[in-house]
Amino acid sequence: MGQNERKAYLEAIRERYKKASKSEKSAILDEFCAVCGYHRKYAIRVLSTRPKPPPRKPGRKPRYDHQKLLPVLKLDFG
């Protein structure tokens, strides 16, 4: 199972796990551990936590709007 497939499977299982009762959670954990090969405690931690947001681009936000600035810079004053 590749990383992308594992991520998609985790998202699907996480929703089921959140809505499940205690006995259903046990069965879901057994299935998840068998498919992904995770230890039980790690699987509980992975299924219980929220997914991390995508990383943001470092640094300040641009000061100027490039779409408005480029036509002015391309004008020929000669």
PDB file of N, CA and C in Angstrom:
ATOM      1  N   MET A   1       0.854  -1.172   0.000  1.00  0.00           N
ATOM      2  CA  MET A   1       0.000   0.000   0.000  1.00  0.00           C
ATOM      3  C   MET A   1       0.900   1.234   0.000  1.00  0.00           C
ATOM      4  N   GLY A   2       0.720   2.096  -0.989  1.00  0.00           N
ATOM      5  CA  GLY A   2       1.522   3.299  -1.110  1.00  0.00           C
ATOM      6  C   GLY A   2       1.075   4.389  -0.140  1.00  0.00           C
ATOM      7  N   GLN A   3       1.831   5.453  -0.100  1.00  0.00           N
ATOM      8  CA  GLN A   3       1.564   6.531   0.843  1.00  0.00           C
ATOM      9  C   GLN A   3       0.235   7.230   0.531  1.00  0.00           C
ATOM     10  N   ASN A   4      -0.050   7.477  -0.738  1.00  0.00           N
ATOM     11  CA  ASN A   4      -1.305   8.145  -1.102  1.00  0.00           C
ATOM     12  C   ASN A   4      -2.517   7.279  -0.783  1.00  0.00           C
ATOM     13  N   GLU A   5      -2.425   5.991  -1.060  1.00  0.00           N
ATOM     14  CA  GLU A   5      -3.526   5.091  -0.747  1.00  0.00           C
ATOM     15  C   GLU A   5      -3.742   4.999   0.751  1.00  0.00           C
ATOM     16  N   ARG A   6      -2.643   4.956   1.506  1.00  0.00           N
ATOM     17  CA  ARG A   6      -2.744   4.875   2.962  1.00  0.00           C
ATOM     18  C   ARG A   6      -3.402   6.135   3.525  1.00  0.00           C
ATOM     19  N   LYS A   7      -3.068   7.298   2.954  1.00  0.00           N
ATOM     20  CA  LYS A   7      -3.653   8.566   3.404  1.00  0.00           C
ATOM     21  C   LYS A   7      -5.153   8.602   3.129  1.00  0.00           C
ATOM     22  N   ALA A   8      -5.553   8.160   1.934  1.00  0.00           N
ATOM     23  CA  ALA A   8      -6.973   8.136   1.577  1.00  0.00           C
ATOM     24  C   ALA A   8      -7.733   7.153   2.467  1.00  0.00           C
ATOM     25  N   TYR A   9      -7.135   5.999   2.724  1.00  0.00           N
ATOM     26  CA  TYR A   9      -7.760   5.003   3.595  1.00  0.00           C
ATOM     27  C   TYR A   9      -7.890   5.551   5.012  1.00  0.00           C
ATOM     28  N   LEU A  10      -6.872   6.239   5.490  1.00  0.00           N
ATOM     29  CA  LEU A  10      -6.901   6.821   6.830  1.00  0.00           C
ATOM     30  C   LEU A  10      -8.043   7.819   6.970  1.00  0.00           C
ATOM     31  N   GLU A  11      -8.243   8.675   5.962  1.00  0.00           N
ATOM     32  CA  GLU A  11      -9.323   9.664   6.020  1.00  0.00           C
ATOM     33  C   GLU A  11     -10.691   8.981   6.066  1.00  0.00           C
ATOM     34  N   ALA A  12     -10.862   7.923   5.283  1.00  0.00           N
ATOM     35  CA  ALA A  12     -12.138   7.209   5.277  1.00  0.00           C
ATOM     36  C   ALA A  12     -12.389   6.526   6.621  1.00  0.00           C
ATOM     37  N   ILE A  13     -11.369   5.894   7.160  1.00  0.00           N
ATOM     38  CA  ILE A  13     -11.503   5.191   8.438  1.00  0.00           C
ATOM     39  C   ILE A  13     -11.690   6.185   9.577  1.00  0.00           C
ATOM     40  N   ARG A  14     -11.024   7.333   9.519  1.00  0.00           N
ATOM     41  CA  ARG A  14     -11.119   8.337  10.590  1.00  0.00           C
ATOM     42  C   ARG A  14     -12.564   8.792  10.781  1.00  0.00           C
ATOM     43  N   GLU A  15     -13.293   8.986   9.684  1.00  0.00           N
ATOM     44  CA  GLU A  15     -14.696   9.400   9.786  1.00  0.00           C
ATOM     45  C   GLU A  15     -15.539   8.301  10.427  1.00  0.00           C
ATOM     46  N   ARG A  16     -15.316   7.058  10.001  1.00  0.00           N
ATOM     47  CA  ARG A  16     -16.043   5.934  10.613  1.00  0.00           C
ATOM     48  C   ARG A  16     -15.719   5.816  12.088  1.00  0.00           C
ATOM     49  N   TYR A  17     -14.442   5.980  12.436  1.00  0.00           N
ATOM     50  CA  TYR A  17     -13.977   5.823  13.814  1.00  0.00           C
ATOM     51  C   TYR A  17     -14.595   6.884  14.720  1.00  0.00           C
ATOM     52  N   LYS A  18     -14.704   8.123  14.219  1.00  0.00           N
ATOM     53  CA  LYS A  18     -15.265   9.216  15.011  1.00  0.00           C
ATOM     54  C   LYS A  18     -16.713   8.954  15.408  1.00  0.00           C
ATOM     55  N   LYS A  19     -17.486   8.381  14.479  1.00  0.00           N
ATOM     56  CA  LYS A  19     -18.918   8.192  14.688  1.00  0.00           C
ATOM     57  C   LYS A  19     -19.260   6.865  15.364  1.00  0.00           C
ATOM     58  N   ALA A  20     -18.290   6.003  15.562  1.00  0.00           N
ATOM     59  CA  ALA A  20     -18.541   4.647  16.044  1.00  0.00           C
ATOM     60  C   ALA A  20     -18.677   4.592  17.564  1.00  0.00           C
ATOM     61  N   SER A  21     -19.359   3.529  18.030  1.00  0.00           N
ATOM     62  CA  SER A  21     -19.439   3.264  19.466  1.00  0.00           C
ATOM     63  C   SER A  21     -18.143   2.577  19.909  1.00  0.00           C
ATOM     64  N   LYS A  22     -18.039   2.316  21.194  1.00  0.00           N
ATOM     65  CA  LYS A  22     -16.803   1.747  21.729  1.00  0.00           C
ATOM     66  C   LYS A  22     -16.517   0.358  21.143  1.00  0.00           C
ATOM     67  N   SER A  23     -17.522  -0.467  21.034  1.00  0.00           N
ATOM     68  CA  SER A  23     -17.294  -1.813  20.489  1.00  0.00           C
ATOM     69  C   SER A  23     -16.974  -1.762  18.998  1.00  0.00           C
ATOM     70  N   GLU A  24     -17.607  -0.834  18.282  1.00  0.00           N
ATOM     71  CA  GLU A  24     -17.312  -0.682  16.856  1.00  0.00           C
ATOM     72  C   GLU A  24     -15.898  -0.150  16.646  1.00  0.00           C
ATOM     73  N   LYS A  25     -15.453   0.725  17.540  1.00  0.00           N
ATOM     74  CA  LYS A  25     -14.097   1.267  17.437  1.00  0.00           C
ATOM     75  C   LYS A  25     -13.054   0.160  17.550  1.00  0.00           C
ATOM     76  N   SER A  26     -13.314  -0.808  18.402  1.00  0.00           N
ATOM     77  CA  SER A  26     -12.386  -1.926  18.565  1.00  0.00           C
ATOM     78  C   SER A  26     -12.248  -2.714  17.258  1.00  0.00           C
ATOM     79  N   ALA A  27     -13.388  -2.964  16.599  1.00  0.00           N
ATOM     80  CA  ALA A  27     -13.359  -3.699  15.335  1.00  0.00           C
ATOM     81  C   ALA A  27     -12.663  -2.871  14.247  1.00  0.00           C
ATOM     82  N   ILE A  28     -12.923  -1.572  14.223  1.00  0.00           N
ATOM     83  CA  ILE A  28     -12.282  -0.697  13.240  1.00  0.00           C
ATOM     84  C   ILE A  28     -10.773  -0.678  13.460  1.00  0.00           C
ATOM     85  N   LEU A  29     -10.341  -0.625  14.718  1.00  0.00           N
ATOM     86  CA  LEU A  29      -8.911  -0.638  15.035  1.00  0.00           C
ATOM     87  C   LEU A  29      -8.250  -1.931  14.572  1.00  0.00           C
ATOM     88  N   ASP A  30      -8.925  -3.056  14.815  1.00  0.00           N
ATOM     89  CA  ASP A  30      -8.377  -4.342  14.377  1.00  0.00           C
ATOM     90  C   ASP A  30      -8.184  -4.361  12.862  1.00  0.00           C
ATOM     91  N   GLU A  31      -9.201  -3.891  12.142  1.00  0.00           N
ATOM     92  CA  GLU A  31      -9.122  -3.853  10.683  1.00  0.00           C
ATOM     93  C   GLU A  31      -8.003  -2.917  10.219  1.00  0.00           C
ATOM     94  N   PHE A  32      -7.932  -1.721  10.825  1.00  0.00           N
ATOM     95  CA  PHE A  32      -6.943  -0.723  10.423  1.00  0.00           C
ATOM     96  C   PHE A  32      -5.523  -1.218  10.686  1.00  0.00           C
ATOM     97  N   CYS A  33      -5.307  -1.852  11.822  1.00  0.00           N
ATOM     98  CA  CYS A  33      -3.981  -2.386  12.147  1.00  0.00           C
ATOM     99  C   CYS A  33      -3.583  -3.514  11.192  1.00  0.00           C
ATOM    100  N   ALA A  34      -4.540  -4.340  10.818  1.00  0.00           N
ATOM    101  CA  ALA A  34      -4.245  -5.438   9.905  1.00  0.00           C
ATOM    102  C   ALA A  34      -3.895  -4.927   8.510  1.00  0.00           C
ATOM    103  N   VAL A  35      -4.604  -3.908   8.044  1.00  0.00           N
ATOM    104  CA  VAL A  35      -4.385  -3.403   6.685  1.00  0.00           C
ATOM    105  C   VAL A  35      -3.097  -2.597   6.594  1.00  0.00           C
ATOM    106  N   CYS A  36      -2.891  -1.689   7.559  1.00  0.00           N
ATOM    107  CA  CYS A  36      -1.753  -0.762   7.471  1.00  0.00           C
ATOM    108  C   CYS A  36      -0.493  -1.266   8.174  1.00  0.00           C
ATOM    109  N   GLY A  37      -0.636  -2.234   9.058  1.00  0.00           N
ATOM    110  CA  GLY A  37       0.529  -2.753   9.759  1.00  0.00           C
ATOM    111  C   GLY A  37       0.982  -1.872  10.918  1.00  0.00           C
ATOM    112  N   TYR A  38       0.092  -1.006  11.410  1.00  0.00           N
ATOM    113  CA  TYR A  38       0.431  -0.141  12.541  1.00  0.00           C
ATOM    114  C   TYR A  38       0.220  -0.891  13.850  1.00  0.00           C
ATOM    115  N   HIS A  39       0.942  -0.485  14.897  1.00  0.00           N
ATOM    116  CA  HIS A  39       0.662  -0.982  16.239  1.00  0.00           C
ATOM    117  C   HIS A  39      -0.625  -0.345  16.726  1.00  0.00           C
ATOM    118  N   ARG A  40      -1.287  -1.016  17.633  1.00  0.00           N
ATOM    119  CA  ARG A  40      -2.616  -0.582  18.065  1.00  0.00           C
ATOM    120  C   ARG A  40      -2.605   0.811  18.700  1.00  0.00           C
ATOM    121  N   LYS A  41      -1.669   1.090  19.591  1.00  0.00           N
ATOM    122  CA  LYS A  41      -1.613   2.396  20.260  1.00  0.00           C
ATOM    123  C   LYS A  41      -1.351   3.517  19.260  1.00  0.00           C
ATOM    124  N   TYR A  42      -0.482   3.272  18.282  1.00  0.00           N
ATOM    125  CA  TYR A  42      -0.205   4.285  17.268  1.00  0.00           C
ATOM    126  C   TYR A  42      -1.444   4.517  16.408  1.00  0.00           C
ATOM    127  N   ALA A  43      -2.157   3.452  16.088  1.00  0.00           N
ATOM    128  CA  ALA A  43      -3.367   3.581  15.277  1.00  0.00           C
ATOM    129  C   ALA A  43      -4.422   4.408  16.004  1.00  0.00           C
ATOM    130  N   ILE A  44      -4.561   4.209  17.318  1.00  0.00           N
ATOM    131  CA  ILE A  44      -5.502   5.010  18.103  1.00  0.00           C
ATOM    132  C   ILE A  44      -5.122   6.477  18.030  1.00  0.00           C
ATOM    133  N   ARG A  45      -3.842   6.772  18.161  1.00  0.00           N
ATOM    134  CA  ARG A  45      -3.369   8.152  18.117  1.00  0.00           C
ATOM    135  C   ARG A  45      -3.613   8.775  16.750  1.00  0.00           C
ATOM    136  N   VAL A  46      -3.351   8.013  15.689  1.00  0.00           N
ATOM    137  CA  VAL A  46      -3.523   8.533  14.335  1.00  0.00           C
ATOM    138  C   VAL A  46      -5.008   8.780  14.028  1.00  0.00           C
ATOM    139  N   LEU A  47      -5.869   7.885  14.449  1.00  0.00           N
ATOM    140  CA  LEU A  47      -7.292   8.020  14.158  1.00  0.00           C
ATOM    141  C   LEU A  47      -7.973   9.081  15.022  1.00  0.00           C
ATOM    142  N   SER A  48      -7.435   9.367  16.180  1.00  0.00           N
ATOM    143  CA  SER A  48      -8.072  10.307  17.100  1.00  0.00           C
ATOM    144  C   SER A  48      -7.691  11.756  16.836  1.00  0.00           C
ATOM    145  N   THR A  49      -6.538  11.990  16.231  1.00  0.00           N
ATOM    146  CA  THR A  49      -6.093  13.359  16.032  1.00  0.00           C
ATOM    147  C   THR A  49      -6.635  13.921  14.725  1.00  0.00           C
ATOM    148  N   ARG A  50      -6.686  15.245  14.647  1.00  0.00           N
ATOM    149  CA  ARG A  50      -7.107  15.911  13.418  1.00  0.00           C
ATOM    150  C   ARG A  50      -5.972  15.872  12.404  1.00  0.00           C
ATOM    151  N   PRO A  51      -6.312  15.877  11.134  1.00  0.00           N
ATOM    152  CA  PRO A  51      -5.246  15.929  10.120  1.00  0.00           C
ATOM    153  C   PRO A  51      -4.543  17.281  10.159  1.00  0.00           C
ATOM    154  N   LYS A  52      -3.247  17.288   9.858  1.00  0.00           N
ATOM    155  CA  LYS A  52      -2.472  18.520   9.846  1.00  0.00           C
ATOM    156  C   LYS A  52      -2.842  19.348   8.618  1.00  0.00           C
ATOM    157  N   PRO A  53      -2.906  20.664   8.773  1.00  0.00           N
ATOM    158  CA  PRO A  53      -3.173  21.498   7.592  1.00  0.00           C
ATOM    159  C   PRO A  53      -1.960  21.499   6.672  1.00  0.00           C
ATOM    160  N   PRO A  54      -2.151  21.767   5.395  1.00  0.00           N
ATOM    161  CA  PRO A  54      -1.007  21.788   4.480  1.00  0.00           C
ATOM    162  C   PRO A  54      -0.024  22.893   4.869  1.00  0.00           C
ATOM    163  N   PRO A  55       1.269  22.688   4.638  1.00  0.00           N
ATOM    164  CA  PRO A  55       2.256  23.695   5.031  1.00  0.00           C
ATOM    165  C   PRO A  55       2.065  24.990   4.247  1.00  0.00           C
ATOM    166  N   ARG A  56       2.281  26.086   4.942  1.00  0.00           N
ATOM    167  CA  ARG A  56       2.149  27.384   4.297  1.00  0.00           C
ATOM    168  C   ARG A  56       3.473  27.809   3.695  1.00  0.00           C
ATOM    169  N   LYS A  57       3.386  28.673   2.719  1.00  0.00           N
ATOM    170  CA  LYS A  57       4.569  29.208   2.069  1.00  0.00           C
ATOM    171  C   LYS A  57       5.271  30.155   3.045  1.00  0.00           C
ATOM    172  N   PRO A  58       6.566  29.991   3.293  1.00  0.00           N
ATOM    173  CA  PRO A  58       7.245  30.843   4.262  1.00  0.00           C
ATOM    174  C   PRO A  58       7.443  32.265   3.735  1.00  0.00           C
ATOM    175  N   GLY A  59       7.576  33.190   4.642  1.00  0.00           N
ATOM    176  CA  GLY A  59       7.885  34.568   4.266  1.00  0.00           C
ATOM    177  C   GLY A  59       6.665  35.471   4.274  1.00  0.00           C
ATOM    178  N   ARG A  60       6.928  36.730   3.991  1.00  0.00           N
ATOM    179  CA  ARG A  60       5.854  37.713   3.971  1.00  0.00           C
ATOM    180  C   ARG A  60       4.991  37.553   2.742  1.00  0.00           C
ATOM    181  N   LYS A  61       3.802  38.104   2.813  1.00  0.00           N
ATOM    182  CA  LYS A  61       2.921  38.122   1.651  1.00  0.00           C
ATOM    183  C   LYS A  61       3.433  39.179   0.688  1.00  0.00           C
ATOM    184  N   PRO A  62       3.195  39.003  -0.604  1.00  0.00           N
ATOM    185  CA  PRO A  62       3.669  39.990  -1.573  1.00  0.00           C
ATOM    186  C   PRO A  62       3.044  41.355  -1.305  1.00  0.00           C
ATOM    187  N   ARG A  63       3.817  42.377  -1.527  1.00  0.00           N
ATOM    188  CA  ARG A  63       3.362  43.735  -1.255  1.00  0.00           C
ATOM    189  C   ARG A  63       2.498  44.275  -2.395  1.00  0.00           C
ATOM    190  N   TYR A  64       2.792  43.884  -3.616  1.00  0.00           N
ATOM    191  CA  TYR A  64       2.103  44.425  -4.788  1.00  0.00           C
ATOM    192  C   TYR A  64       1.291  43.338  -5.478  1.00  0.00           C
ATOM    193  N   ASP A  65       0.243  43.777  -6.169  1.00  0.00           N
ATOM    194  CA  ASP A  65      -0.560  42.877  -6.987  1.00  0.00           C
ATOM    195  C   ASP A  65       0.111  42.765  -8.354  1.00  0.00           C
ATOM    196  N   HIS A  66       0.670  41.629  -8.669  1.00  0.00           N
ATOM    197  CA  HIS A  66       1.440  41.443  -9.894  1.00  0.00           C
ATOM    198  C   HIS A  66       0.600  41.627 -11.157  1.00  0.00           C
ATOM    199  N   GLN A  67      -0.682  41.275 -11.098  1.00  0.00           N
ATOM    200  CA  GLN A  67      -1.530  41.391 -12.280  1.00  0.00           C
ATOM    201  C   GLN A  67      -1.728  42.849 -12.700  1.00  0.00           C
ATOM    202  N   LYS A  68      -1.746  43.756 -11.739  1.00  0.00           N
ATOM    203  CA  LYS A  68      -1.897  45.180 -12.053  1.00  0.00           C
ATOM    204  C   LYS A  68      -0.554  45.824 -12.368  1.00  0.00           C
ATOM    205  N   LEU A  69       0.503  45.317 -11.819  1.00  0.00           N
ATOM    206  CA  LEU A  69       1.814  45.936 -11.936  1.00  0.00           C
ATOM    207  C   LEU A  69       2.515  45.604 -13.259  1.00  0.00           C
ATOM    208  N   LEU A  70       2.369  44.395 -13.756  1.00  0.00           N
ATOM    209  CA  LEU A  70       3.084  43.965 -14.962  1.00  0.00           C
ATOM    210  C   LEU A  70       2.754  44.781 -16.219  1.00  0.00           C
ATOM    211  N   PRO A  71       1.502  45.100 -16.505  1.00  0.00           N
ATOM    212  CA  PRO A  71       1.245  45.900 -17.707  1.00  0.00           C
ATOM    213  C   PRO A  71       1.905  47.292 -17.656  1.00  0.00           C
ATOM    214  N   VAL A  72       1.976  47.889 -16.493  1.00  0.00           N
ATOM    215  CA  VAL A  72       2.600  49.195 -16.342  1.00  0.00           C
ATOM    216  C   VAL A  72       4.107  49.091 -16.580  1.00  0.00           C
ATOM    217  N   LEU A  73       4.708  48.030 -16.082  1.00  0.00           N
ATOM    218  CA  LEU A  73       6.150  47.853 -16.257  1.00  0.00           C
ATOM    219  C   LEU A  73       6.533  47.546 -17.705  1.00  0.00           C
ATOM    220  N   LYS A  74       5.603  46.949 -18.449  1.00  0.00           N
ATOM    221  CA  LYS A  74       5.889  46.578 -19.837  1.00  0.00           C
ATOM    222  C   LYS A  74       5.687  47.732 -20.826  1.00  0.00           C
ATOM    223  N   LEU A  75       5.143  48.857 -20.374  1.00  0.00           N
ATOM    224  CA  LEU A  75       4.938  49.999 -21.262  1.00  0.00           C
ATOM    225  C   LEU A  75       6.265  50.503 -21.794  1.00  0.00           C
ATOM    226  N   ASP A  76       6.261  50.923 -23.054  1.00  0.00           N
ATOM    227  CA  ASP A  76       7.471  51.440 -23.686  1.00  0.00           C
ATOM    228  C   ASP A  76       7.408  52.958 -23.681  1.00  0.00           C
ATOM    229  N   PHE A  77       8.320  53.591 -22.953  1.00  0.00           N
ATOM    230  CA  PHE A  77       8.354  55.056 -22.842  1.00  0.00           C
ATOM    231  C   PHE A  77       9.338  55.678 -23.831  1.00  0.00           C
ATOM    232  N   GLY A  78       9.746  54.980 -24.811  1.00  0.00           N
ATOM    233  CA  GLY A  78      10.773  55.491 -25.699  1.00  0.00           C
ATOM    234  C   GLY A  78      10.319  55.873 -27.013  1.00  0.00           C
TER     235      GLY A  78
END
